[in-house]
Amino acid sequence: MANEPEMSRNVASDFRAPPPSPVASGRRSSVANDEILTEFLHRSLRVPDLVLPDRVFPRQNPKVQSLPKLDFEAINNVSGEIIEVIGRTGCFELVNHGISDRILGSVLESGGGVFGLSPEKKSAVSRSAERLYGFVEFHGDEKELSEEFVWCRDDSLRSEMEEVWPIQYSNFSEKMESLMSEIETVSETLLKLFLDDAATPKSRFDFDDDETREKEISGSICYLYKHCHNTDPKPNDDDQYMNSLRYDVIRMLIRGSEHAHTLCFHVCNGSSEFHVYSKKGWVSFSPDNNALVITIGDLLQTWSEGKYKHVIGRPIFKGELEDCISMAFLYTPPPIPKPQKDNTISLAHQLLLI
C-alpha cells in the first residue's frame, strides 16, 4: 500500500487527454514534413464567401413615370429612336392593339374561377419537372403574395382539368384559345418589326439539330396569377410585403429560363405599379389601363444579337381590397419545317451506277 501513491502518479503521468478540437484562425496551420496535410488544413480554415439574399435581389433604380408606347395602328411609322429605347429598356406599352376589353375581361373572369378549386384538386394538376403546366405549389408559413396556374395547348392538361373542373374548364379553354390566337397575330407583326430593324438579326429557325429546335420552341403558354390582398393588416406589413416580394421575384428569376420565348404580354388592368427586373436592377412605373405591357424574352435577345434586352415583368396590386387576376402570355413562334433534301440522282451518278 505504501507504493500506491507512487503507482497512481505513474499512471496519471502516462495517461494523456485528447487534444482540444482545432479552432479556425486566420493563420496558416503547418505540419512538419507533410505539405499535403498542411495545404488541406489551410484551405479548410478559410471562411467561404457567402452570397446573402440582399445581394441576390436586384437593386431598385430611380422610379420612372412611363415607358415607351408603341401604337399598333401606326406600326409602319414607328421611328428608329423608339425602337432603340425599347431595345435598351426591354419593355414597352402597346396601345391600340385591337384586342377588345370585352375579350380580356371575359378571360380574366373565367380564369379566376380556377383558383377556387380545393387544395386536393389543385394538387392533382400541379406542376412538376416533367410538365410545365398546372398549379404552382407554394410552401411556407406566411401568406403568399399570389397563386399561379400555367395554361398551354396540351391534351394532357385538358383531360386532367376536365376531370377536376369539367364544364367550366372547357368554357375557359375555348376563350383562352381565342385570345391566344389574337396575341400571336400581334406578336408576329411585332417580331417582324423588331427583327427587320435589327442590324444583323439571327434567323429564328437557325438551330443545329432537331433536339435543340424542340427544346427552344415548345409553344406559347399563359401564366394566370391570383394576387392575394392582405386580410390581416399589421404594423409591420410593409416589411412582410417586401420580404414576400423578394422571395417571389427570386423564384421568378430562377425559373425565368424554363420556357424560352420572344415576347411576354402582360394583362394587368388595375395594377398600382408594374416592376421590370433585369440583372442590372429593377424599375417601376404606372401602366395605362387600356395598354398591354410587353417585355422582351430571351429568344428575341438572342436572335437580335443582344440589341433587345431580356427582362422579366411583374404587376403589383398593392393596397387592393380584394383579390386581383392578371395574365402573362409567353409567345414562342412555331418552327418552320426544314426543307426536304433533294433525293434526285443526277444523270452523271446514274451513268456511274450503270
Protein backbone atom coordinates (compact mmCIF):
# COMPACT_ATOMS: atom_id res chain seq x y z
CA MET A 1 0.00 0.00 0.00
CA ALA A 2 2.98 2.27 0.54
CA ASN A 3 3.72 2.19 -3.18
CA GLU A 4 0.13 3.03 -4.17
CA PRO A 5 0.59 6.82 -4.33
CA GLU A 6 3.71 6.39 -6.46
CA MET A 7 1.86 3.96 -8.79
CA SER A 8 -1.02 6.42 -9.09
CA ARG A 9 1.39 9.15 -10.03
CA ASN A 10 2.95 6.94 -12.73
CA VAL A 11 -0.47 6.03 -14.18
CA ALA A 12 -1.54 9.66 -14.18
CA SER A 13 1.65 10.71 -15.89
CA ASP A 14 1.25 8.02 -18.61
CA PHE A 15 -2.40 8.94 -19.37
CA ARG A 16 -2.88 11.87 -21.71
CA ALA A 17 -6.18 13.55 -22.51
CA PRO A 18 -7.08 14.01 -26.20
CA PRO A 19 -6.00 17.37 -27.63
CA PRO A 20 -8.65 20.10 -27.89
CA SER A 21 -10.63 20.47 -31.12
CA PRO A 22 -8.90 22.74 -33.64
CA VAL A 23 -10.16 26.30 -33.75
CA ALA A 24 -10.25 28.17 -37.01
CA SER A 25 -7.87 31.07 -37.17
CA GLY A 26 -6.56 33.43 -39.75
CA ARG A 27 -3.05 31.99 -39.54
CA ARG A 28 -1.82 29.19 -41.72
CA SER A 29 -1.50 25.82 -39.96
CA SER A 30 1.62 23.78 -40.52
CA VAL A 31 2.62 20.16 -40.00
CA ALA A 32 6.23 19.08 -40.21
CA ASN A 33 7.16 17.07 -43.32
CA ASP A 34 3.58 16.91 -44.60
CA GLU A 35 2.87 19.53 -47.23
CA ILE A 36 -0.37 17.86 -48.39
CA LEU A 37 -1.93 17.90 -44.91
CA THR A 38 -0.71 21.44 -44.37
CA GLU A 39 -2.39 22.62 -47.57
CA PHE A 40 -5.59 20.78 -46.65
CA LEU A 41 -5.76 22.42 -43.22
CA HIS A 42 -5.01 25.81 -44.74
CA ARG A 43 -7.95 25.52 -47.16
CA SER A 44 -10.27 24.06 -44.51
CA LEU A 45 -9.78 27.05 -42.23
CA ARG A 46 -10.88 29.53 -44.86
CA VAL A 47 -14.33 31.03 -44.44
CA PRO A 48 -16.29 30.64 -47.70
CA ASP A 49 -17.67 33.67 -49.49
CA LEU A 50 -21.42 33.68 -48.86
CA VAL A 51 -23.95 35.28 -51.21
CA LEU A 52 -26.65 36.72 -48.96
CA PRO A 53 -30.26 37.21 -50.12
CA ASP A 54 -29.90 41.00 -50.08
CA ARG A 55 -27.14 40.74 -52.66
CA VAL A 56 -29.13 38.37 -54.86
CA PHE A 57 -32.18 40.62 -55.03
CA PRO A 58 -31.72 43.28 -57.72
CA ARG A 59 -31.28 46.87 -56.63
CA GLN A 60 -34.02 49.36 -57.41
CA ASN A 61 -33.21 52.11 -59.85
CA PRO A 62 -34.84 55.55 -59.63
CA LYS A 63 -38.54 55.28 -60.37
CA VAL A 64 -39.72 56.28 -63.81
CA GLN A 65 -43.18 57.53 -64.65
CA SER A 66 -43.69 55.82 -68.00
CA LEU A 67 -42.07 53.58 -70.58
CA PRO A 68 -42.11 53.95 -74.37
CA LYS A 69 -45.51 53.48 -76.02
CA LEU A 70 -45.95 51.72 -79.33
CA ASP A 71 -49.08 52.47 -81.35
CA PHE A 72 -50.07 49.25 -83.11
CA GLU A 73 -52.33 51.07 -85.57
CA ALA A 74 -49.31 53.13 -86.72
CA ILE A 75 -46.84 50.26 -86.59
CA ASN A 76 -45.39 51.08 -90.02
CA ASN A 77 -44.49 54.61 -88.92
CA VAL A 78 -42.52 53.70 -85.79
CA SER A 79 -39.33 55.75 -85.54
CA GLY A 80 -35.92 54.21 -85.07
CA GLU A 81 -35.48 56.22 -81.88
CA ILE A 82 -38.42 54.46 -80.21
CA ILE A 83 -37.05 51.07 -81.33
CA GLU A 84 -33.72 51.89 -79.70
CA VAL A 85 -35.39 52.89 -76.43
CA ILE A 86 -37.40 49.66 -76.41
CA GLY A 87 -34.21 47.71 -77.03
CA ARG A 88 -32.49 49.31 -74.03
CA THR A 89 -35.38 49.07 -71.58
CA GLY A 90 -36.64 45.66 -72.70
CA CYS A 91 -40.22 46.76 -72.00
CA PHE A 92 -42.91 48.92 -73.60
CA GLU A 93 -46.64 49.61 -73.63
CA LEU A 94 -48.70 48.62 -76.66
CA VAL A 95 -51.71 50.85 -77.33
CA ASN A 96 -54.45 50.49 -79.95
CA HIS A 97 -53.61 46.79 -80.13
CA GLY A 98 -57.06 45.81 -81.40
CA ILE A 99 -57.81 43.21 -78.69
CA SER A 100 -61.14 44.20 -77.15
CA ASP A 101 -61.52 44.80 -73.44
CA ARG A 102 -64.57 42.53 -73.52
CA ILE A 103 -62.47 39.50 -74.53
CA LEU A 104 -59.76 40.31 -72.00
CA GLY A 105 -62.28 40.81 -69.20
CA SER A 106 -64.13 37.61 -70.08
CA VAL A 107 -60.96 35.51 -69.96
CA LEU A 108 -59.87 37.12 -66.68
CA GLU A 109 -63.24 36.45 -65.08
CA SER A 110 -63.42 32.88 -66.33
CA GLY A 111 -59.81 32.12 -65.43
CA GLY A 112 -60.23 33.46 -61.91
CA GLY A 113 -62.54 30.56 -61.14
CA VAL A 114 -59.69 28.07 -61.45
CA PHE A 115 -58.26 29.29 -58.16
CA GLY A 116 -61.48 28.39 -56.36
CA LEU A 117 -60.74 24.66 -56.66
CA SER A 118 -59.99 22.72 -53.48
CA PRO A 119 -56.34 22.06 -52.48
CA GLU A 120 -56.81 18.37 -53.29
CA LYS A 121 -57.90 19.12 -56.86
CA LYS A 122 -55.07 21.62 -57.32
CA SER A 123 -52.55 19.02 -56.15
CA ALA A 124 -53.88 16.58 -58.75
CA VAL A 125 -52.88 19.04 -61.51
CA SER A 126 -49.74 20.56 -60.02
CA ARG A 127 -46.59 21.44 -61.94
CA SER A 128 -43.57 19.16 -61.85
CA ALA A 129 -40.22 18.69 -63.52
CA GLU A 130 -41.89 16.57 -66.20
CA ARG A 131 -44.65 19.01 -67.09
CA LEU A 132 -44.69 22.80 -67.25
CA TYR A 133 -48.44 23.27 -66.83
CA GLY A 134 -50.85 23.22 -63.89
CA PHE A 135 -50.86 24.79 -60.45
CA VAL A 136 -47.68 26.05 -58.83
CA GLU A 137 -47.41 24.71 -55.32
CA PHE A 138 -46.30 27.02 -52.50
CA HIS A 139 -44.59 26.02 -49.30
CA GLY A 140 -44.26 28.33 -46.34
CA ASP A 141 -45.94 29.54 -43.18
CA GLU A 142 -46.63 33.09 -44.34
CA LYS A 143 -49.38 34.10 -46.73
CA GLU A 144 -48.13 34.13 -50.30
CA LEU A 145 -48.50 37.20 -52.49
CA SER A 146 -50.04 35.22 -55.34
CA GLU A 147 -51.19 31.88 -56.68
CA GLU A 148 -50.26 30.66 -60.15
CA PHE A 149 -51.77 28.44 -62.81
CA VAL A 150 -49.99 27.71 -66.10
CA TRP A 151 -52.11 27.09 -69.21
CA CYS A 152 -50.93 25.74 -72.54
CA ARG A 153 -52.23 23.86 -75.57
CA ASP A 154 -51.71 20.39 -74.18
CA ASP A 155 -54.11 17.46 -74.44
CA SER A 156 -52.93 16.08 -71.10
CA LEU A 157 -53.72 19.35 -69.34
CA ARG A 158 -57.17 19.46 -70.92
CA SER A 159 -58.04 15.91 -69.87
CA GLU A 160 -56.75 16.38 -66.31
CA MET A 161 -58.51 19.72 -65.81
CA GLU A 162 -61.79 18.44 -67.25
CA GLU A 163 -61.79 15.79 -64.53
CA VAL A 164 -61.50 18.28 -61.66
CA TRP A 165 -63.27 21.29 -63.30
CA PRO A 166 -65.28 19.76 -66.16
CA ILE A 167 -67.80 22.26 -67.55
CA GLN A 168 -66.03 25.47 -66.51
CA TYR A 169 -62.63 24.45 -67.91
CA SER A 170 -63.98 23.73 -71.39
CA ASN A 171 -65.51 27.22 -71.50
CA PHE A 172 -62.34 28.84 -70.15
CA SER A 173 -60.08 26.92 -72.53
CA GLU A 174 -62.09 27.99 -75.58
CA LYS A 175 -61.85 31.65 -74.55
CA MET A 176 -58.12 31.27 -73.88
CA GLU A 177 -57.56 29.70 -77.31
CA SER A 178 -59.30 32.63 -78.98
CA LEU A 179 -57.33 35.23 -77.02
CA MET A 180 -54.02 33.43 -77.55
CA SER A 181 -54.62 33.41 -81.31
CA GLU A 182 -55.12 37.18 -81.32
CA ILE A 183 -51.99 37.73 -79.25
CA GLU A 184 -49.97 35.51 -81.57
CA THR A 185 -51.12 37.54 -84.57
CA VAL A 186 -50.00 40.77 -82.89
CA SER A 187 -46.72 39.12 -81.85
CA GLU A 188 -45.86 38.10 -85.41
CA THR A 189 -46.24 41.71 -86.55
CA LEU A 190 -44.06 42.98 -83.71
CA LEU A 191 -41.37 40.37 -84.35
CA LYS A 192 -41.21 41.36 -88.00
CA LEU A 193 -40.73 44.98 -86.95
CA PHE A 194 -38.01 44.22 -84.40
CA LEU A 195 -36.08 41.65 -86.40
CA ASP A 196 -36.21 43.60 -89.65
CA ASP A 197 -34.90 46.63 -87.78
CA ALA A 198 -32.07 44.69 -86.14
CA ALA A 199 -28.70 45.22 -87.79
CA THR A 200 -27.85 41.54 -88.15
CA PRO A 201 -30.84 39.54 -86.98
CA LYS A 202 -30.31 35.85 -86.40
CA SER A 203 -32.74 33.55 -88.11
CA ARG A 204 -35.29 32.34 -85.62
CA PHE A 205 -35.13 28.90 -87.24
CA ASP A 206 -31.35 28.58 -87.24
CA PHE A 207 -30.81 25.59 -84.96
CA ASP A 208 -28.10 22.97 -85.12
CA ASP A 209 -30.32 19.92 -84.69
CA ASP A 210 -33.90 18.80 -84.21
CA GLU A 211 -33.43 18.26 -80.47
CA THR A 212 -32.43 21.89 -79.98
CA ARG A 213 -35.41 23.05 -82.04
CA GLU A 214 -37.83 21.05 -79.86
CA LYS A 215 -36.23 22.38 -76.68
CA GLU A 216 -36.19 26.02 -77.75
CA ILE A 217 -39.59 26.10 -79.47
CA SER A 218 -42.24 24.37 -77.37
CA GLY A 219 -45.32 26.53 -77.97
CA SER A 220 -46.90 29.54 -76.28
CA ILE A 221 -48.13 29.39 -72.68
CA CYS A 222 -50.01 31.66 -70.27
CA TYR A 223 -49.40 32.30 -66.57
CA LEU A 224 -52.52 33.19 -64.60
CA TYR A 225 -51.84 34.98 -61.30
CA LYS A 226 -54.18 35.49 -58.41
CA HIS A 227 -52.82 38.43 -56.42
CA CYS A 228 -53.94 37.99 -52.81
CA HIS A 229 -54.84 41.01 -50.70
CA ASN A 230 -53.85 41.22 -47.05
CA THR A 231 -56.83 40.39 -44.85
CA ASP A 232 -54.98 40.88 -41.57
CA PRO A 233 -53.10 44.21 -41.66
CA LYS A 234 -50.38 44.66 -39.09
CA PRO A 235 -47.92 47.46 -38.25
CA ASN A 236 -45.04 45.64 -39.97
CA ASP A 237 -46.99 44.83 -43.14
CA ASP A 238 -44.55 46.74 -45.37
CA ASP A 239 -41.59 44.64 -44.18
CA GLN A 240 -43.51 41.40 -44.65
CA TYR A 241 -44.66 42.56 -48.07
CA MET A 242 -41.13 43.33 -49.23
CA ASN A 243 -39.81 40.01 -47.87
CA SER A 244 -42.55 38.10 -49.68
CA LEU A 245 -41.94 40.12 -52.83
CA ARG A 246 -38.22 39.37 -52.74
CA TYR A 247 -38.86 35.66 -52.32
CA ASP A 248 -41.40 35.69 -55.14
CA VAL A 249 -39.14 37.63 -57.52
CA ILE A 250 -36.06 35.50 -56.82
CA ARG A 251 -38.13 32.40 -57.54
CA MET A 252 -39.37 34.04 -60.73
CA LEU A 253 -35.84 34.97 -61.84
CA ILE A 254 -34.53 31.45 -61.17
CA ARG A 255 -37.20 29.80 -63.27
CA GLY A 256 -37.14 32.52 -65.92
CA SER A 257 -35.29 30.22 -68.33
CA GLU A 258 -37.83 27.40 -68.04
CA HIS A 259 -39.72 28.48 -71.12
CA ALA A 260 -37.87 30.21 -73.93
CA HIS A 261 -39.96 32.97 -75.52
CA THR A 262 -39.70 36.06 -77.69
CA LEU A 263 -42.32 38.37 -76.16
CA CYS A 264 -44.41 38.34 -72.99
CA PHE A 265 -47.81 40.10 -72.99
CA HIS A 266 -48.99 41.25 -69.56
CA VAL A 267 -52.71 41.80 -68.98
CA CYS A 268 -52.84 43.68 -65.68
CA ASN A 269 -55.60 46.29 -65.71
CA GLY A 270 -56.00 47.97 -62.33
CA SER A 271 -52.44 47.31 -61.14
CA SER A 272 -50.95 50.04 -58.97
CA GLU A 273 -47.42 49.50 -60.31
CA PHE A 274 -45.51 47.40 -62.79
CA HIS A 275 -41.99 46.21 -61.94
CA VAL A 276 -39.39 45.41 -64.58
CA TYR A 277 -36.49 43.21 -63.41
CA SER A 278 -33.14 42.58 -65.04
CA LYS A 279 -29.64 41.63 -63.94
CA LYS A 280 -28.75 45.30 -63.51
CA GLY A 281 -31.67 46.14 -61.20
CA TRP A 282 -35.36 46.96 -61.37
CA VAL A 283 -37.61 49.90 -62.09
CA SER A 284 -41.32 50.53 -61.59
CA PHE A 285 -43.91 52.61 -63.40
CA SER A 286 -47.67 53.07 -63.59
CA PRO A 287 -49.12 51.45 -66.74
CA ASP A 288 -52.16 52.71 -68.64
CA ASN A 289 -55.35 50.76 -68.08
CA ASN A 290 -56.03 50.21 -71.79
CA ALA A 291 -52.47 49.23 -72.73
CA LEU A 292 -50.78 45.86 -72.88
CA VAL A 293 -47.39 45.80 -71.17
CA ILE A 294 -44.87 43.77 -73.19
CA THR A 295 -41.47 42.55 -72.03
CA ILE A 296 -38.68 41.22 -74.23
CA GLY A 297 -37.92 37.49 -73.98
CA ASP A 298 -34.65 35.60 -74.06
CA LEU A 299 -35.14 34.30 -77.61
CA LEU A 300 -35.57 37.78 -79.06
CA GLN A 301 -32.42 38.92 -77.27
CA THR A 302 -30.53 36.02 -78.88
CA TRP A 303 -31.99 36.47 -82.35
CA SER A 304 -31.24 40.20 -82.34
CA GLU A 305 -27.70 39.51 -81.10
CA GLY A 306 -28.25 41.47 -77.90
CA LYS A 307 -29.94 44.55 -79.32
CA TYR A 308 -33.14 43.88 -77.35
CA LYS A 309 -32.57 43.21 -73.63
CA HIS A 310 -34.39 40.37 -71.93
CA VAL A 311 -36.27 41.45 -68.78
CA ILE A 312 -38.95 39.99 -66.50
CA GLY A 313 -42.09 41.93 -65.59
CA ARG A 314 -44.50 41.69 -62.69
CA PRO A 315 -47.67 43.69 -61.93
CA ILE A 316 -48.18 44.90 -58.36
CA PHE A 317 -51.66 45.25 -56.81
CA LYS A 318 -50.69 46.84 -53.51
CA GLY A 319 -53.46 48.20 -51.31
CA GLU A 320 -56.31 46.46 -53.15
CA LEU A 321 -59.28 45.39 -51.01
CA GLU A 322 -59.93 42.18 -52.96
CA ASP A 323 -58.01 39.54 -54.88
CA CYS A 324 -56.99 40.51 -58.43
CA ILE A 325 -56.24 38.40 -61.51
CA SER A 326 -53.55 39.08 -64.09
CA MET A 327 -52.17 37.12 -67.03
CA ALA A 328 -48.79 36.83 -68.74
CA PHE A 329 -48.72 35.34 -72.26
CA LEU A 330 -45.31 33.98 -73.29
CA TYR A 331 -45.20 33.85 -77.07
CA THR A 332 -42.96 31.45 -78.96
CA PRO A 333 -43.33 31.21 -82.76
CA PRO A 334 -43.90 27.74 -84.19
CA PRO A 335 -40.99 26.14 -86.03
CA ILE A 336 -40.95 26.03 -89.81
CA PRO A 337 -40.20 22.54 -91.13
CA LYS A 338 -36.75 22.13 -92.58
CA PRO A 339 -36.69 21.89 -96.37
CA GLN A 340 -36.61 18.31 -97.56
CA LYS A 341 -33.36 17.17 -99.08
CA ASP A 342 -33.43 16.52 -102.80
CA ASN A 343 -33.12 12.76 -103.28
CA THR A 344 -32.93 13.01 -107.10
CA ILE A 345 -29.96 11.14 -108.54
CA SER A 346 -28.07 13.19 -111.08
CA LEU A 347 -27.53 11.89 -114.62
CA ALA A 348 -23.79 11.55 -114.01
CA HIS A 349 -24.36 9.33 -110.97
CA GLN A 350 -26.90 7.29 -112.92
CA LEU A 351 -24.30 6.62 -115.61
CA LEU A 352 -21.77 5.57 -112.96
CA LEU A 353 -24.27 3.14 -111.44
CA ILE A 354 -24.94 1.64 -114.85
